[in-house]
Protein backbone atom coordinates (compact mmCIF):
# COMPACT_ATOMS: atom_id res chain seq x y z
CA MET A 1 15.91 43.98 -66.52
CA ILE A 2 18.37 42.06 -64.37
CA ALA A 3 17.22 39.64 -61.66
CA LEU A 4 19.37 39.52 -58.53
CA ILE A 5 18.91 36.59 -56.15
CA LEU A 6 20.20 37.19 -52.62
CA ALA A 7 21.80 33.96 -51.44
CA ALA A 8 24.68 35.03 -49.19
CA GLY A 9 23.06 34.22 -45.86
CA TYR A 10 24.18 31.45 -43.52
CA ALA A 11 20.74 30.33 -42.20
CA THR A 12 22.10 29.52 -38.75
CA ARG A 13 18.60 28.81 -37.38
CA LEU A 14 18.45 25.79 -39.68
CA TYR A 15 21.68 24.19 -38.46
CA PRO A 16 22.70 21.42 -38.94
CA LEU A 17 20.76 21.33 -42.25
CA THR A 18 22.52 24.43 -43.55
CA LYS A 19 25.94 23.89 -42.03
CA ASP A 20 27.32 22.72 -45.37
CA THR A 21 24.36 23.34 -47.70
CA PRO A 22 23.02 26.82 -48.46
CA LYS A 23 19.34 27.25 -47.67
CA PRO A 24 18.30 27.94 -51.31
CA LEU A 25 19.75 24.55 -52.30
CA LEU A 26 17.74 22.51 -49.80
CA PRO A 27 15.45 20.07 -51.65
CA VAL A 28 11.76 20.82 -51.14
CA GLN A 29 9.95 18.97 -53.94
CA GLY A 30 11.60 15.64 -54.55
CA SER A 31 15.12 16.54 -55.63
CA ARG A 32 14.08 20.05 -56.68
CA THR A 33 15.43 22.83 -54.51
CA ILE A 34 14.06 26.14 -53.28
CA LEU A 35 16.24 27.81 -55.92
CA ASP A 36 14.89 25.54 -58.67
CA LEU A 37 11.34 26.61 -57.84
CA LEU A 38 12.37 30.26 -57.81
CA MET A 39 14.02 29.85 -61.19
CA ASP A 40 10.73 28.51 -62.56
CA ARG A 41 9.21 31.92 -61.74
CA LEU A 42 12.04 33.78 -63.48
CA GLU A 43 12.42 31.66 -66.61
CA VAL A 44 9.00 32.73 -67.94
CA LEU A 45 9.74 36.48 -67.64
CA GLU A 46 10.81 37.51 -71.13
CA GLU A 47 12.34 40.84 -70.13
CA ILE A 48 14.80 39.27 -67.66
CA THR A 49 18.03 39.27 -69.64
CA GLU A 50 20.30 37.81 -66.96
CA ILE A 51 20.07 36.27 -63.49
CA LEU A 52 22.76 37.06 -60.94
CA ILE A 53 23.09 34.99 -57.76
CA VAL A 54 25.17 36.58 -55.02
CA THR A 55 26.51 34.21 -52.38
CA ASN A 56 29.51 33.93 -50.06
CA GLU A 57 32.85 32.15 -50.05
CA ARG A 58 31.53 29.22 -47.98
CA PHE A 59 28.76 28.33 -50.43
CA PHE A 60 30.14 29.63 -53.73
CA ARG A 61 31.20 26.19 -54.99
CA ALA A 62 27.83 24.67 -54.10
CA PHE A 63 26.04 27.25 -56.24
CA GLU A 64 28.57 26.80 -59.04
CA GLN A 65 27.88 23.06 -58.97
CA TRP A 66 24.13 23.73 -59.08
CA HIS A 67 24.70 26.06 -62.02
CA LEU A 68 26.58 23.38 -63.97
CA GLN A 69 23.63 21.01 -63.60
CA TYR A 70 20.87 23.58 -64.21
CA ARG A 71 19.03 23.27 -67.52
CA GLY A 72 17.37 26.64 -67.99
CA THR A 73 17.44 29.16 -70.81
CA LYS A 74 18.42 32.35 -68.97
CA PRO A 75 22.05 33.41 -68.63
CA ILE A 76 23.12 32.91 -64.99
CA ARG A 77 26.20 34.05 -63.12
CA VAL A 78 27.14 33.25 -59.54
CA LEU A 79 29.00 36.01 -57.67
CA ASN A 80 31.11 35.54 -54.53
CA ASP A 81 30.92 38.43 -52.05
CA GLY A 82 34.09 37.16 -50.34
CA THR A 83 32.65 36.67 -46.84
CA SER A 84 33.04 33.36 -45.00
CA SER A 85 31.18 33.67 -41.69
CA PRO A 86 27.88 35.01 -40.33
CA GLU A 87 29.83 37.61 -38.35
CA GLY A 88 31.48 38.99 -41.47
CA ARG A 89 28.47 38.98 -43.78
CA LEU A 90 27.74 42.09 -45.85
CA GLY A 91 23.98 41.96 -45.25
CA ALA A 92 21.31 41.97 -47.97
CA ILE A 93 21.72 45.65 -48.84
CA GLY A 94 25.48 45.35 -48.62
CA ASP A 95 25.31 42.52 -51.15
CA ILE A 96 23.09 44.54 -53.48
CA GLN A 97 25.65 47.34 -53.38
CA PHE A 98 28.46 44.83 -53.92
CA VAL A 99 26.76 43.61 -57.12
CA ILE A 100 25.91 47.12 -58.33
CA ASP A 101 29.57 48.12 -57.96
CA ARG A 102 31.09 44.93 -59.32
CA GLU A 103 28.81 44.67 -62.35
CA GLN A 104 28.32 48.41 -62.91
CA LEU A 105 24.60 47.73 -63.16
CA SER A 106 22.61 50.21 -65.24
CA GLU A 107 19.36 48.32 -65.86
CA ASP A 108 16.14 48.01 -63.88
CA LEU A 109 16.66 45.49 -61.09
CA LEU A 110 14.40 42.77 -59.70
CA VAL A 111 15.69 41.72 -56.27
CA LEU A 112 14.57 38.41 -54.74
CA ALA A 113 15.43 36.50 -51.58
CA GLY A 114 16.91 33.16 -52.59
CA ASP A 115 15.22 31.25 -49.76
CA ASN A 116 11.54 32.01 -50.47
CA VAL A 117 9.07 29.65 -52.13
CA LEU A 118 6.51 31.70 -54.06
CA GLY A 119 2.97 30.47 -54.59
CA PHE A 120 2.35 32.87 -57.48
CA GLY A 121 3.91 34.05 -60.74
CA LEU A 122 5.71 37.37 -61.12
CA GLU A 123 4.20 38.52 -64.42
CA GLY A 124 1.59 40.71 -62.74
CA TYR A 125 4.21 42.35 -60.54
CA LEU A 126 6.39 43.31 -63.51
CA ASN A 127 3.38 44.60 -65.43
CA TYR A 128 2.45 46.76 -62.44
CA PHE A 129 5.99 48.14 -62.24
CA HIS A 130 5.83 49.27 -65.86
CA GLN A 131 2.34 50.68 -65.39
CA VAL A 132 3.25 52.94 -62.44
CA ASP A 133 6.86 53.54 -63.54
CA LYS A 134 8.03 53.71 -59.92
CA ASP A 135 10.17 51.60 -57.60
CA CYS A 136 7.97 48.83 -56.19
CA ILE A 137 7.67 46.64 -53.13
CA LEU A 138 5.54 43.51 -52.85
CA VAL A 139 3.01 43.21 -50.02
CA ARG A 140 0.30 40.91 -48.77
CA THR A 141 -2.08 40.83 -45.83
CA VAL A 142 -0.64 39.18 -42.73
CA ASP A 143 -2.99 38.51 -39.81
CA ASP A 144 -0.52 36.65 -37.59
CA ILE A 145 1.10 39.21 -35.27
CA ARG A 146 4.17 37.00 -34.85
CA GLU A 147 4.75 36.92 -38.59
CA LEU A 148 4.22 40.69 -38.84
CA ARG A 149 6.93 41.19 -36.25
CA SER A 150 9.35 39.22 -38.43
CA VAL A 151 8.88 41.16 -41.69
CA GLY A 152 8.59 44.73 -42.89
CA VAL A 153 5.23 46.43 -42.31
CA ALA A 154 3.89 49.20 -44.56
CA GLU A 155 1.24 51.89 -44.50
CA LEU A 156 -0.22 52.68 -47.93
CA ASP A 157 -2.55 55.32 -49.34
CA ALA A 158 -5.46 54.66 -51.72
CA GLU A 159 -3.09 54.77 -54.70
CA MET A 160 -0.80 52.13 -53.13
CA ARG A 161 1.90 54.69 -52.44
CA VAL A 162 4.12 53.82 -49.49
CA LEU A 163 3.50 56.19 -46.57
CA SER A 164 5.64 54.36 -44.02
CA LEU A 165 7.68 51.18 -43.83
CA GLU A 166 9.13 49.67 -40.68
CA GLU A 167 11.28 46.55 -40.49
CA LYS A 168 10.25 43.96 -37.86
CA PRO A 169 8.14 46.30 -35.68
CA GLN A 170 7.12 45.14 -32.22
CA SER A 171 3.88 47.14 -32.54
CA PRO A 172 2.85 46.94 -36.23
CA ARG A 173 0.76 49.87 -37.47
CA THR A 174 -1.01 47.77 -40.12
CA ASN A 175 -1.37 44.16 -41.25
CA ILE A 176 0.37 44.83 -44.57
CA GLY A 177 3.51 42.72 -44.68
CA VAL A 178 6.43 43.55 -46.97
CA PHE A 179 8.32 40.64 -48.50
CA ALA A 180 11.71 40.33 -50.15
CA LEU A 181 10.67 41.02 -53.75
CA TYR A 182 11.63 44.49 -54.93
CA ILE A 183 11.84 46.18 -58.32
CA TYR A 184 14.10 49.22 -58.60
CA LYS A 185 14.37 51.56 -61.54
CA ARG A 186 17.86 51.92 -62.95
CA SER A 187 17.88 55.57 -61.86
CA THR A 188 17.49 54.45 -58.22
CA LEU A 189 20.54 52.17 -58.10
CA PRO A 190 23.05 54.95 -57.24
CA LEU A 191 21.04 55.69 -54.08
CA PHE A 192 22.13 52.42 -52.46
CA SER A 193 25.63 53.84 -51.96
CA ARG A 194 24.17 57.05 -50.55
CA TYR A 195 22.04 55.05 -48.11
CA LEU A 196 25.05 53.12 -46.86
CA ALA A 197 27.24 56.22 -46.74
CA GLU A 198 24.67 57.85 -44.45
CA GLY A 199 25.00 54.92 -42.04
CA GLY A 200 22.02 52.90 -43.17
CA ASN A 201 21.66 49.36 -41.81
CA PRO A 202 23.05 46.98 -44.47
CA ASP A 203 21.25 43.89 -43.20
CA ALA A 204 17.53 43.33 -44.00
CA PRO A 205 16.52 44.38 -47.54
CA SER A 206 13.45 46.35 -46.38
CA TYR A 207 15.64 48.91 -44.62
CA PHE A 208 16.47 50.52 -47.97
CA PRO A 209 12.88 51.18 -49.17
CA ALA A 210 12.06 52.30 -45.61
CA TRP A 211 14.70 55.02 -46.13
CA LEU A 212 13.85 55.63 -49.79
CA HIS A 213 10.10 56.26 -49.56
CA SER A 214 10.58 59.63 -47.86
CA ARG A 215 12.85 60.74 -50.71
CA GLN A 216 10.93 59.51 -53.73
CA GLU A 217 7.67 57.76 -54.47
CA ILE A 218 7.45 53.99 -54.01
CA ARG A 219 4.43 51.90 -54.97
CA ALA A 220 3.24 48.62 -53.48
CA TYR A 221 1.96 45.62 -55.41
CA TYR A 222 -0.51 43.44 -53.53
CA THR A 223 -0.53 39.66 -53.87
CA GLU A 224 -2.81 37.07 -52.33
CA GLY A 225 -0.29 34.35 -53.12
CA THR A 226 1.72 32.48 -50.53
CA ILE A 227 5.33 33.27 -49.65
CA ASP A 228 7.03 30.58 -47.61
CA ASP A 229 10.32 31.22 -45.81
CA VAL A 230 11.53 28.19 -43.89
CA GLY A 231 13.01 29.31 -40.59
CA THR A 232 13.29 26.09 -38.57
CA PRO A 233 14.04 22.41 -39.30
CA GLU A 234 10.43 21.59 -38.32
CA ALA A 235 9.01 24.15 -40.74
CA TYR A 236 11.30 22.84 -43.47
CA ALA A 237 10.03 19.29 -42.94
CA GLU A 238 6.42 20.52 -43.09
CA MET A 239 7.06 22.45 -46.31
CA ARG A 240 8.78 19.50 -47.93
CA ASP A 241 5.88 17.19 -47.08
CA ARG A 242 3.35 19.70 -48.43
CA LEU A 243 5.18 20.41 -51.68
CA SER A 244 5.91 16.75 -52.30
CA ASN A 245 2.24 15.95 -51.86
CA SER A 246 1.24 18.75 -54.24
CA GLU A 247 3.51 17.23 -56.89
CA THR A 248 1.68 13.92 -56.91
């Protein structure tokens, strides 16, 4: 299995913090970055054979510098999608397709947002994927209507099959939030190009499983763990204080 970290965004809401520093490389626990904490979750997964980080031209050198200093055991490669501005970005799904094409991927794929801090390990998620042998999304209960309107929202049946999935709905049908942690079977990877060829939105990563679930079965894995995505300078300061305190 390959892990793909999406890190080609520009995080304009966090300016000026992210004007010259990509969001995943912001320090959140002492000198440790969001990406460092995410790598902790990946390093312990034995079946991950390689970690790919897709970024853009503006931040490529910053990630390369991080890579030179990183002391992990997994093979890592940083890929440049060639874009240099928010207006020209490929979007999350566009970047997934870019990597599939460039690397000719033919293994199961774990896709992660590079700017999330996870309060749980991923071992259970991977075990569930192998158990059901289906493409998987990760969900958790979200009771804040404002947060629900900022993420994907799913309807599930009793077997955790996805019945519907809507990205950033103004009137959410459920309180089941979908977060940017997906596992796709290798046989599904060619469908990304079909989705885009049919005019699918290349931006938010949940748009693809929202399209896919009506064509083949997708399962949902439920977590009670926290998933923090820092959207404002104030929220970043709060997260940094909280994680620094948890370290001591």
